[in-house]
Amino acid sequence: MNAAPSSAPLLRMRGVGKSFLGVRVLSDVDLEVRAGEVHALVGENGAGKSTLMKILAGVHRADAGTVELNGAQVAFAHPVQAQQAGVSTVFQEFNLLPERTVAENVFLGREPRRGGRVDARRMAADTGRLLADLGLGGISPERRVRTLSVAEQQIVEVVKAMSHDARIISMDEPTAALADHEVELLYGLVRRLRERGVAVLYVSHRLKEIFDLCDRITVLKDGRKVGTVEAAQTSSEELIRMMVGRPMDMLFPAPVEGTAPGPVRLEVAGGGNDRIDGIDLRVRGGEIVGLAGLQGSGRTELAHALFGIDRFTRGELRVDGKAVRLRSPHQAVRARIALVSEDRKTEGLALHQSVLANGRMVLDAVLPRKARAAARALPGFFRSLELVARGTGQEVRFLSGGNQQKVVLAKWLATDPAVMVLDEPTRGIDVGAKHAVYTLVRDLAKAGVAIVLISSELPEVIGLADRIVVLHDGRIAGELPGGAAEEDVMALATGHSEAPREAAS
């Protein structure tokens, strides 16, 4: 049983304000976190969450307000001071040395010594005790960090924090880079921290995680506190309303009036390669077909086959009734297929180039004869997507995650696709940006584009798709209508049920 959080706050931030270059990013923010509590900090990108976390971590100094730890006022000028006071932060970008061992990373710069030399045996033993205390004895202190999974590397960051006797641990989007099966490992770790009386400040865009793990939720909007609520006494709809300032009608917009399925634009018959097999799939223009399944089910592998990354070695692929054999993404683009990949930073963007250069990227590389004329549409795409940037000359790396994704979408819209494959299109972006993506998907369907939507968030697939194709072990396990129950999707995804294939209407 979980220990009940203390009623007295371990952390109290009062009237915190912060400006950068004259721009106010936090105004009069209050936050209280109790020992043994998992406290969510949520809000759209730009709401001020990261700035507030960095003030607590000693990365930034507040311009106004106070920070109290166990009733004593503190002002951290450096992250080391925060760590020494028992406040640690696990950021999205890990601060680990991959060629060193787990123990060497945990005690980096604080290695125990014996006779003037590093006492490697004691360091490994101390790390082992920390891992065992958190129920993580399966990770060897002597393993090199580069051999660990992303989830295990995150655990090393938390163990490093616990080695500083952390009383408060802040986690910034801790599951953003985790596979589905790794998320439960993080859940268990957070729950063990709670049982030990550690306060966890948890920042995430994933509402399911918030309600699974957190005791209370503080919402920020435009640098101000909207309110703090008990997780058990609120709903996702109310939380969304607090974050964006308006009701979201369950977040998913209805189909645009007049949307109707047209001719089949994408067809796979008996498609397969060394990762997937027996794929029969038809998607009509104006139709959104969701691909659901567990991690490793073949969803992304199918997306890659459709885009010529890992080509089909058997079966037939047709676009607008014409058989095509794709041996590369270049050929897929020329066949009017677009892929919004799940990893926008490494696969979708040139982060050090401008918004405009990224928008033109595919046109210039694959369709140079059409590039100049097609690029004229880019400003209109940026406007319709409500891109927030200083201008099209701004480097993409300085945009928020949601705005980076909008640049990726505009890049593909400029190619005038007949088929658009969206692989995790809303991963790591806030609810407001998600709504913009969902609206775009509906508009594309109205325009007659055939859309294949892949998402690990079942409500997203259920809320948007006209049909749901469920994969299991690289094969299609069955098909369900849009709006199907999550239980029915999961029964197919886990191989515990069979459903008759429904013909596309």
Protein backbone atom coordinates (compact mmCIF):
# COMPACT_ATOMS: atom_id res chain seq x y z
CA MET A 1 0.00 0.00 0.00
CA ASN A 2 1.25 3.49 -0.83
CA ALA A 3 2.20 5.78 2.01
CA ALA A 4 -0.18 8.73 2.22
CA PRO A 5 1.45 12.01 1.21
CA SER A 6 2.27 14.34 4.08
CA SER A 7 -0.25 17.16 4.53
CA ALA A 8 2.55 19.73 5.04
CA PRO A 9 4.28 20.79 1.83
CA LEU A 10 7.88 19.71 1.37
CA LEU A 11 8.22 22.27 -1.44
CA ARG A 12 6.47 25.62 -1.55
CA MET A 13 6.99 28.10 -4.40
CA ARG A 14 5.23 31.45 -3.95
CA GLY A 15 4.69 34.27 -6.42
CA VAL A 16 7.42 33.03 -8.75
CA GLY A 17 8.08 35.24 -11.78
CA LYS A 18 10.64 35.11 -14.58
CA SER A 19 11.39 37.16 -17.71
CA PHE A 20 13.80 36.60 -20.58
CA LEU A 21 14.87 39.63 -22.64
CA GLY A 22 11.87 41.55 -21.38
CA VAL A 23 9.39 38.78 -22.21
CA ARG A 24 7.42 37.58 -19.19
CA VAL A 25 7.31 33.75 -19.12
CA LEU A 26 6.16 33.21 -15.50
CA SER A 27 3.89 35.48 -13.47
CA ASP A 28 3.01 35.01 -9.78
CA VAL A 29 3.10 31.19 -9.85
CA ASP A 30 2.42 29.22 -6.67
CA LEU A 31 3.21 25.50 -6.31
CA GLU A 32 3.11 23.17 -3.33
CA VAL A 33 4.36 19.56 -3.39
CA ARG A 34 4.15 17.15 -0.45
CA ALA A 35 6.55 14.38 0.56
CA GLY A 36 5.40 11.03 -0.83
CA GLU A 37 3.29 12.72 -3.52
CA VAL A 38 3.42 12.40 -7.30
CA HIS A 39 2.43 15.88 -8.43
CA ALA A 40 1.77 16.55 -12.11
CA LEU A 41 2.69 19.83 -13.77
CA VAL A 42 0.79 20.20 -17.04
CA GLY A 43 0.04 22.80 -19.69
CA GLU A 44 0.53 23.52 -23.36
CA ASN A 45 4.00 24.14 -24.79
CA GLY A 46 5.02 27.62 -23.69
CA ALA A 47 2.91 27.49 -20.54
CA GLY A 48 6.03 27.88 -18.35
CA LYS A 49 6.51 24.32 -17.07
CA SER A 50 10.14 23.96 -18.11
CA THR A 51 11.08 27.40 -16.78
CA LEU A 52 9.50 26.63 -13.39
CA MET A 53 11.34 23.29 -13.26
CA LYS A 54 14.65 24.97 -14.12
CA ILE A 55 14.17 27.54 -11.36
CA LEU A 56 13.65 24.69 -8.91
CA ALA A 57 16.70 22.88 -10.34
CA GLY A 58 18.98 25.93 -10.00
CA VAL A 59 19.38 26.39 -13.77
CA HIS A 60 17.58 29.77 -13.68
CA ARG A 61 17.12 32.32 -10.89
CA ALA A 62 13.61 33.65 -10.36
CA ASP A 63 13.06 37.40 -10.80
CA ALA A 64 10.31 37.41 -8.17
CA GLY A 65 8.86 35.15 -5.51
CA THR A 66 10.30 32.65 -3.06
CA VAL A 67 11.14 28.95 -2.91
CA GLU A 68 10.89 27.08 0.39
CA LEU A 69 12.14 23.59 1.14
CA ASN A 70 10.83 22.04 4.37
CA GLY A 71 9.85 25.52 5.55
CA ALA A 72 13.28 27.08 4.94
CA GLN A 73 13.71 29.61 2.14
CA VAL A 74 16.29 28.63 -0.49
CA ALA A 75 17.71 30.26 -3.64
CA PHE A 76 19.76 27.92 -5.80
CA ALA A 77 22.37 29.60 -8.00
CA HIS A 78 23.56 26.34 -9.56
CA PRO A 79 22.17 22.80 -10.09
CA VAL A 80 24.83 21.43 -7.74
CA GLN A 81 23.36 23.53 -4.90
CA ALA A 82 19.90 22.10 -5.66
CA GLN A 83 21.27 18.53 -5.63
CA GLN A 84 23.03 19.14 -2.33
CA ALA A 85 19.72 20.32 -0.89
CA GLY A 86 17.98 17.14 -2.09
CA VAL A 87 16.39 18.47 -5.29
CA SER A 88 17.21 16.58 -8.52
CA THR A 89 15.83 16.83 -12.05
CA VAL A 90 15.74 14.16 -14.74
CA PHE A 91 15.53 16.04 -18.03
CA GLN A 92 14.49 14.56 -21.39
CA GLU A 93 18.11 14.69 -22.57
CA PHE A 94 20.04 12.40 -20.25
CA ASN A 95 23.32 13.57 -18.72
CA LEU A 96 25.16 10.24 -18.90
CA LEU A 97 28.53 9.11 -20.26
CA PRO A 98 27.80 6.08 -22.46
CA GLU A 99 31.26 4.51 -22.29
CA ARG A 100 31.33 4.49 -18.49
CA THR A 101 29.61 2.02 -16.18
CA VAL A 102 26.38 2.56 -14.29
CA ALA A 103 28.33 3.02 -11.05
CA GLU A 104 30.77 5.49 -12.63
CA ASN A 105 27.85 7.57 -13.89
CA VAL A 106 26.00 7.49 -10.57
CA PHE A 107 29.04 8.76 -8.65
CA LEU A 108 30.55 10.92 -11.40
CA GLY A 109 32.66 13.64 -9.78
CA ARG A 110 32.03 12.16 -6.30
CA GLU A 111 33.86 8.86 -6.61
CA PRO A 112 34.72 7.22 -3.24
CA ARG A 113 38.47 6.97 -2.76
CA ARG A 114 40.82 4.73 -0.89
CA GLY A 115 44.48 5.51 -0.56
CA GLY A 116 44.15 8.34 -3.07
CA ARG A 117 42.65 6.08 -5.75
CA VAL A 118 39.05 5.54 -6.84
CA ASP A 119 37.52 2.70 -4.82
CA ALA A 120 35.71 0.95 -7.69
CA ARG A 121 34.55 -1.94 -5.48
CA ARG A 122 32.87 0.33 -2.96
CA MET A 123 31.35 2.47 -5.75
CA ALA A 124 29.81 -0.62 -7.35
CA ALA A 125 28.55 -1.90 -3.99
CA ASP A 126 26.96 1.46 -3.10
CA THR A 127 25.29 1.63 -6.54
CA GLY A 128 24.03 -1.94 -6.13
CA ARG A 129 22.44 -1.03 -2.80
CA LEU A 130 20.70 1.98 -4.35
CA LEU A 131 19.37 -0.19 -7.19
CA ALA A 132 18.21 -2.88 -4.75
CA ASP A 133 16.46 -0.28 -2.56
CA LEU A 134 14.40 0.68 -5.60
CA GLY A 135 13.67 -2.92 -6.52
CA LEU A 136 15.99 -2.75 -9.54
CA GLY A 137 18.57 -5.38 -8.69
CA GLY A 138 18.48 -6.72 -12.25
CA ILE A 139 20.72 -3.89 -13.50
CA SER A 140 24.41 -4.52 -12.89
CA PRO A 141 26.40 -1.54 -11.57
CA GLU A 142 29.26 -2.63 -13.83
CA ARG A 143 27.33 -2.53 -17.13
CA ARG A 144 28.32 0.18 -19.57
CA VAL A 145 25.56 2.72 -20.05
CA ARG A 146 25.64 2.39 -23.85
CA THR A 147 24.38 -1.21 -23.47
CA LEU A 148 21.26 -0.12 -21.54
CA SER A 149 17.81 0.51 -22.96
CA VAL A 150 16.39 4.04 -22.81
CA ALA A 151 14.24 3.05 -19.82
CA GLU A 152 17.27 1.63 -18.00
CA GLN A 153 19.27 4.79 -18.71
CA GLN A 154 16.43 6.77 -17.17
CA ILE A 155 16.65 4.55 -14.11
CA VAL A 156 20.37 5.38 -13.85
CA GLU A 157 19.47 9.09 -13.81
CA VAL A 158 17.00 8.45 -10.95
CA VAL A 159 19.52 6.33 -9.04
CA LYS A 160 22.06 9.14 -9.47
CA ALA A 161 19.49 11.50 -7.95
CA MET A 162 18.88 9.12 -5.05
CA SER A 163 22.63 8.98 -4.41
CA HIS A 164 22.35 12.68 -3.53
CA ASP A 165 19.67 11.77 -0.94
CA ALA A 166 17.03 13.40 -3.14
CA ARG A 167 13.82 14.40 -1.44
CA ILE A 168 12.30 15.89 -4.59
CA ILE A 169 12.79 14.46 -8.09
CA SER A 170 11.43 16.32 -11.12
CA MET A 171 10.82 14.28 -14.28
CA ASP A 172 10.43 16.04 -17.62
CA GLU A 173 8.41 13.97 -20.16
CA PRO A 174 9.90 10.74 -18.75
CA THR A 175 8.12 8.40 -21.20
CA ALA A 176 8.62 10.46 -24.38
CA ALA A 177 11.35 8.16 -25.69
CA LEU A 178 10.14 4.89 -24.13
CA ALA A 179 8.61 1.95 -25.94
CA ASP A 180 5.22 0.74 -24.67
CA HIS A 181 6.69 -2.19 -22.74
CA GLU A 182 9.18 0.10 -20.99
CA VAL A 183 6.55 2.49 -19.63
CA GLU A 184 5.44 0.01 -16.97
CA LEU A 185 9.04 -0.13 -15.71
CA LEU A 186 8.93 3.62 -15.17
CA TYR A 187 5.52 3.37 -13.49
CA GLY A 188 6.94 0.90 -10.97
CA LEU A 189 9.92 3.15 -10.28
CA VAL A 190 7.73 6.21 -9.66
CA ARG A 191 5.51 4.22 -7.30
CA ARG A 192 8.53 2.98 -5.33
CA LEU A 193 9.80 6.55 -4.99
CA ARG A 194 6.40 7.55 -3.61
CA GLU A 195 6.51 4.69 -1.10
CA ARG A 196 9.91 5.92 0.11
CA GLY A 197 8.45 9.38 0.79
CA VAL A 198 10.14 11.08 -2.15
CA ALA A 199 8.16 13.88 -3.78
CA VAL A 200 7.94 13.47 -7.56
CA LEU A 201 7.15 16.45 -9.78
CA TYR A 202 5.93 14.84 -13.01
CA VAL A 203 5.69 16.73 -16.31
CA SER A 204 3.94 14.96 -19.19
CA HIS A 205 1.61 15.63 -22.13
CA ARG A 206 0.16 12.13 -21.78
CA LEU A 207 -3.03 12.44 -19.78
CA LYS A 208 -3.31 8.69 -19.20
CA GLU A 209 -0.02 8.76 -17.31
CA ILE A 210 -1.16 11.73 -15.27
CA PHE A 211 -4.26 9.91 -14.09
CA ASP A 212 -2.45 6.58 -13.64
CA LEU A 213 0.31 7.95 -11.42
CA CYS A 214 -0.40 11.36 -9.97
CA ASP A 215 -2.10 12.44 -6.75
CA ARG A 216 -2.57 16.12 -7.63
CA ILE A 217 -2.26 18.18 -10.79
CA THR A 218 -1.20 21.81 -11.20
CA VAL A 219 -2.12 23.45 -14.50
CA LEU A 220 -0.18 26.33 -16.05
CA LYS A 221 -1.32 28.48 -18.96
CA ASP A 222 0.57 31.40 -20.52
CA GLY A 223 2.98 31.51 -17.58
CA ARG A 224 0.29 31.66 -14.92
CA LYS A 225 -1.20 29.09 -12.59
CA VAL A 226 -4.74 28.10 -13.54
CA GLY A 227 -5.29 25.86 -10.51
CA THR A 228 -4.41 22.70 -8.62
CA VAL A 229 -6.84 19.76 -8.56
CA GLU A 230 -7.00 16.29 -7.05
CA ALA A 231 -6.46 13.75 -9.82
CA ALA A 232 -9.17 11.48 -8.43
CA GLN A 233 -11.70 14.30 -8.49
CA THR A 234 -11.27 15.59 -12.04
CA SER A 235 -11.51 14.26 -15.57
CA SER A 236 -9.40 14.47 -18.72
CA GLU A 237 -12.03 16.73 -20.29
CA GLU A 238 -11.85 19.19 -17.39
CA LEU A 239 -8.05 19.08 -17.44
CA ILE A 240 -7.98 19.86 -21.16
CA ARG A 241 -10.38 22.75 -20.62
CA MET A 242 -8.07 24.17 -17.93
CA MET A 243 -5.00 23.82 -20.17
CA VAL A 244 -6.38 25.36 -23.36
CA GLY A 245 -9.01 27.67 -21.90
CA ARG A 246 -11.92 26.17 -23.80
CA PRO A 247 -13.77 22.85 -23.99
CA MET A 248 -12.31 20.50 -26.57
CA ASP A 249 -15.37 18.34 -27.31
CA MET A 250 -13.43 15.28 -26.18
CA LEU A 251 -10.45 16.69 -28.12
CA PHE A 252 -11.30 15.01 -31.43
CA PRO A 253 -13.05 17.16 -34.05
CA ALA A 254 -15.91 15.63 -36.02
CA PRO A 255 -15.47 14.92 -39.75
CA VAL A 256 -15.71 18.02 -41.93
CA GLU A 257 -19.17 18.33 -43.44
CA GLY A 258 -19.28 16.76 -46.88
CA THR A 259 -16.45 14.28 -46.27
CA ALA A 260 -17.22 11.03 -48.07
CA PRO A 261 -15.12 8.01 -49.10
CA GLY A 262 -14.06 8.11 -52.75
CA PRO A 263 -12.22 5.62 -54.96
CA VAL A 264 -9.53 3.37 -53.47
CA ARG A 265 -6.25 5.31 -53.46
CA LEU A 266 -4.01 2.83 -51.60
CA GLU A 267 -4.21 -0.93 -51.94
CA VAL A 268 -1.91 -3.68 -50.64
CA ALA A 269 -2.62 -7.29 -51.62
CA GLY A 270 -0.62 -10.05 -49.92
CA GLY A 271 2.11 -7.63 -48.95
CA GLY A 272 5.05 -8.89 -46.94
CA ASN A 273 8.77 -8.80 -46.21
CA ASP A 274 10.94 -10.21 -43.42
CA ARG A 275 9.02 -8.19 -40.81
CA ILE A 276 5.37 -8.32 -41.90
CA ASP A 277 3.31 -10.80 -43.87
CA GLY A 278 -0.08 -11.32 -45.49
CA ILE A 279 -1.00 -7.63 -45.50
CA ASP A 280 -4.27 -6.91 -47.30
CA LEU A 281 -5.22 -3.26 -46.93
CA ARG A 282 -7.39 -0.83 -48.87
CA VAL A 283 -7.79 2.86 -48.07
CA ARG A 284 -10.16 5.12 -49.98
CA GLY A 285 -9.69 8.80 -50.59
CA GLY A 286 -11.38 10.72 -47.80
CA GLU A 287 -10.96 7.81 -45.41
CA ILE A 288 -8.90 7.60 -42.21
CA VAL A 289 -7.74 4.07 -41.42
CA GLY A 290 -6.14 3.62 -38.03
CA LEU A 291 -3.40 1.05 -37.42
CA ALA A 292 -3.40 -0.23 -33.85
CA GLY A 293 -1.26 -2.82 -32.10
CA LEU A 294 1.27 -3.30 -29.36
CA GLN A 295 4.94 -2.38 -29.64
CA GLY A 296 6.52 -4.74 -32.17
CA SER A 297 3.21 -5.64 -33.79
CA GLY A 298 4.34 -4.38 -37.19
CA ARG A 299 2.70 -0.94 -37.35
CA THR A 300 5.84 1.06 -38.06
CA GLU A 301 7.22 -1.76 -40.21
CA LEU A 302 4.11 -1.50 -42.39
CA ALA A 303 4.52 2.28 -42.60
CA HIS A 304 8.14 1.81 -43.70
CA ALA A 305 7.09 -0.71 -46.36
CA LEU A 306 4.46 1.68 -47.70
CA PHE A 307 7.14 4.36 -48.00
CA GLY A 308 9.84 2.20 -49.56
CA ILE A 309 12.17 2.21 -46.55
CA ASP A 310 11.90 -1.56 -45.98
CA ARG A 311 10.20 -2.47 -49.24
CA PHE A 312 7.62 -5.17 -49.82
CA THR A 313 9.37 -8.27 -51.20
CA ARG A 314 6.08 -10.00 -52.03
CA GLY A 315 2.55 -9.00 -52.85
CA GLU A 316 1.35 -5.97 -54.76
CA LEU A 317 1.05 -2.27 -53.93
CA ARG A 318 -1.23 0.03 -55.91
CA VAL A 319 -1.68 3.81 -55.71
CA ASP A 320 -4.72 5.22 -57.51
CA GLY A 321 -5.14 1.88 -59.27
CA LYS A 322 -1.59 1.80 -60.63
CA ALA A 323 0.82 -0.92 -59.50
CA VAL A 324 4.03 0.50 -58.05
CA ARG A 325 7.24 -1.17 -56.85
CA LEU A 326 8.90 1.04 -54.28
CA ARG A 327 12.59 0.53 -53.66
CA SER A 328 13.23 3.86 -51.93
CA PRO A 329 11.47 6.79 -50.26
CA HIS A 330 12.27 8.88 -53.36
CA GLN A 331 10.11 6.56 -55.42
CA ALA A 332 7.37 6.73 -52.78
CA VAL A 333 7.32 10.53 -52.95
CA ARG A 334 7.06 10.38 -56.74
CA ALA A 335 4.15 7.96 -56.31
CA ARG A 336 2.50 10.66 -54.13
CA ILE A 337 2.95 8.85 -50.81
CA ALA A 338 4.02 10.88 -47.76
CA LEU A 339 5.29 9.58 -44.41
CA VAL A 340 5.29 11.65 -41.21
CA SER A 341 7.70 9.50 -39.17
CA GLU A 342 7.48 9.07 -35.41
CA ASP A 343 10.92 10.60 -34.72
CA ARG A 344 10.65 14.10 -36.15
CA LYS A 345 14.00 15.34 -34.77
CA THR A 346 16.21 12.70 -36.40
CA GLU A 347 14.09 11.63 -39.38
CA GLY A 348 11.84 14.55 -40.20
CA LEU A 349 13.78 17.79 -39.72
CA ALA A 350 17.11 19.50 -40.26
CA LEU A 351 17.13 21.21 -36.88
CA HIS A 352 19.82 23.79 -37.70
CA GLN A 353 18.08 24.91 -40.88
CA SER A 354 15.26 27.41 -41.22
CA VAL A 355 11.53 26.81 -41.21
CA LEU A 356 11.41 27.57 -44.94
CA ALA A 357 14.35 25.30 -45.78
CA ASN A 358 12.69 22.45 -43.92
CA GLY A 359 9.41 23.15 -45.65
CA ARG A 360 11.15 22.88 -49.04
CA MET A 361 13.31 19.91 -48.10
CA VAL A 362 11.43 17.15 -49.95
CA LEU A 363 10.52 19.37 -52.89
CA ASP A 364 14.14 20.36 -53.51
CA ALA A 365 15.51 16.83 -53.05
CA VAL A 366 12.92 14.78 -54.92
CA LEU A 367 10.77 17.09 -57.03
CA PRO A 368 13.16 19.86 -58.11
CA ARG A 369 11.26 20.72 -61.30
CA LYS A 370 8.10 21.41 -59.29
CA ALA A 371 9.83 22.87 -56.23
CA ARG A 372 9.59 26.58 -57.02
CA ALA A 373 5.89 26.49 -57.90
CA ALA A 374 4.94 24.08 -55.09
CA ALA A 375 6.85 26.08 -52.46
CA ARG A 376 4.57 29.06 -53.05
CA ALA A 377 1.91 27.18 -51.10
CA LEU A 378 4.09 26.82 -47.98
CA PRO A 379 3.14 30.16 -46.31
CA GLY A 380 -0.51 29.17 -46.62
CA PHE A 381 0.18 25.78 -45.03
CA PHE A 382 2.07 27.45 -42.18
CA ARG A 383 -0.87 29.81 -41.60
CA SER A 384 -3.51 27.07 -41.71
CA LEU A 385 -1.49 25.02 -39.22
CA GLU A 386 -1.20 28.10 -36.95
CA LEU A 387 2.60 27.79 -36.88
CA VAL A 388 4.11 29.97 -34.16
CA ALA A 389 7.57 31.19 -35.22
CA ARG A 390 9.42 34.50 -35.50
CA GLY A 391 9.43 33.99 -39.25
CA THR A 392 10.24 31.41 -41.89
CA GLY A 393 13.94 32.20 -41.44
CA GLN A 394 13.98 31.00 -37.83
CA GLU A 395 15.94 27.80 -37.17
CA VAL A 396 13.62 24.89 -36.46
CA ARG A 397 15.56 23.84 -33.34
CA PHE A 398 14.24 26.91 -31.53
CA LEU A 399 10.58 25.96 -32.06
CA SER A 400 8.45 24.03 -29.58
CA GLY A 401 7.79 20.35 -30.27
CA GLY A 402 4.29 21.10 -31.51
CA ASN A 403 5.51 23.76 -33.93
CA GLN A 404 8.30 21.49 -35.18
CA GLN A 405 5.66 18.90 -36.00
CA LYS A 406 3.67 21.51 -37.91
CA VAL A 407 6.75 22.20 -40.05
CA VAL A 408 7.01 18.46 -40.80
CA LEU A 409 3.36 18.37 -41.82
CA ALA A 410 3.72 21.46 -44.05
CA LYS A 411 6.76 19.86 -45.72
CA TRP A 412 4.63 16.91 -46.79
CA LEU A 413 1.55 18.93 -47.68
CA ALA A 414 3.70 20.80 -50.21
CA THR A 415 4.22 17.53 -52.13
CA ASP A 416 0.46 17.22 -52.78
CA PRO A 417 0.18 13.62 -51.49
CA ALA A 418 -2.51 11.15 -52.52
CA VAL A 419 -1.69 8.96 -49.51
CA MET A 420 -0.47 10.23 -46.15
CA VAL A 421 0.96 7.83 -43.57
CA LEU A 422 1.07 9.41 -40.11
CA ASP A 423 3.23 7.46 -37.63
CA GLU A 424 2.69 8.79 -34.08
CA PRO A 425 1.95 12.31 -35.39
CA THR A 426 1.19 13.78 -31.93
CA ARG A 427 3.95 12.17 -29.87
CA GLY A 428 5.43 14.66 -27.39
CA ILE A 429 3.21 17.63 -28.28
CA ASP A 430 0.65 19.40 -26.11
CA VAL A 431 -3.12 19.11 -26.34
CA GLY A 432 -3.55 22.38 -28.23
CA ALA A 433 -1.07 21.31 -30.91
CA LYS A 434 -2.71 17.88 -31.00
CA HIS A 435 -6.04 19.49 -31.79
CA ALA A 436 -4.42 21.37 -34.69
CA VAL A 437 -3.05 18.07 -36.06
CA TYR A 438 -6.44 16.38 -35.71
CA THR A 439 -8.11 19.27 -37.55
CA LEU A 440 -5.55 18.96 -40.35
CA VAL A 441 -6.24 15.21 -40.63
CA ARG A 442 -9.95 15.93 -40.98
CA ASP A 443 -9.26 18.60 -43.63
CA LEU A 444 -7.04 16.21 -45.60
CA ALA A 445 -9.79 13.60 -45.56
CA LYS A 446 -12.26 16.19 -46.84
CA ALA A 447 -9.80 16.96 -49.67
CA GLY A 448 -9.78 13.29 -50.71
CA VAL A 449 -6.42 12.18 -49.31
CA ALA A 450 -6.19 8.55 -48.14
CA ILE A 451 -4.85 8.59 -44.58
CA VAL A 452 -3.18 5.82 -42.60
CA LEU A 453 -2.94 6.81 -38.92
CA ILE A 454 -0.65 4.99 -36.49
CA SER A 455 -0.79 5.83 -32.80
CA SER A 456 0.05 4.18 -29.49
CA GLU A 457 -2.72 6.25 -27.89
CA LEU A 458 -5.84 4.17 -28.45
CA PRO A 459 -8.26 7.06 -27.83
CA GLU A 460 -6.58 8.87 -30.73
CA VAL A 461 -7.12 5.97 -33.14
CA ILE A 462 -10.66 5.34 -31.91
CA GLY A 463 -11.57 9.03 -31.99
CA LEU A 464 -10.32 9.75 -35.52
CA ALA A 465 -10.36 6.57 -37.61
CA ASP A 466 -13.22 5.45 -39.83
CA ARG A 467 -11.87 1.91 -39.60
CA ILE A 468 -9.29 0.35 -37.27
CA VAL A 469 -6.93 -2.34 -38.57
CA VAL A 470 -5.23 -4.17 -35.69
CA LEU A 471 -1.84 -5.84 -36.12
CA HIS A 472 -0.32 -8.66 -34.10
CA ASP A 473 3.03 -10.37 -34.76
CA GLY A 474 3.41 -8.69 -38.15
CA ARG A 475 0.00 -9.73 -39.45
CA ILE A 476 -3.46 -8.18 -39.53
CA ALA A 477 -5.36 -9.69 -36.60
CA GLY A 478 -8.69 -8.12 -37.50
CA GLU A 479 -10.58 -4.98 -38.33
CA LEU A 480 -13.02 -2.90 -36.29
CA PRO A 481 -15.21 0.10 -37.03
CA GLY A 482 -14.23 3.57 -35.86
CA GLY A 483 -15.36 4.22 -32.30
CA ALA A 484 -14.80 0.61 -31.25
CA ALA A 485 -14.21 -0.13 -27.56
CA GLU A 486 -10.61 -0.11 -26.33
CA GLU A 487 -11.17 -3.60 -24.91
CA ASP A 488 -12.02 -4.96 -28.37
CA VAL A 489 -8.92 -3.37 -29.91
CA MET A 490 -6.69 -4.75 -27.16
CA ALA A 491 -8.21 -8.23 -27.47
CA LEU A 492 -7.09 -8.32 -31.11
CA ALA A 493 -3.75 -6.64 -30.38
CA THR A 494 -2.82 -9.25 -27.77
CA GLY A 495 -3.93 -12.19 -29.92
CA HIS A 496 -6.74 -13.16 -27.55
CA SER A 497 -9.55 -12.57 -30.01
CA GLU A 498 -10.35 -12.80 -33.66
CA ALA A 499 -12.60 -10.45 -35.56
CA PRO A 500 -13.97 -10.82 -39.08
CA ARG A 501 -12.37 -8.55 -41.66
CA GLU A 502 -14.78 -5.84 -42.77
CA ALA A 503 -14.74 -4.86 -46.41
CA ALA A 504 -13.97 -1.19 -47.02
CA SER A 505 -17.09 0.52 -48.13
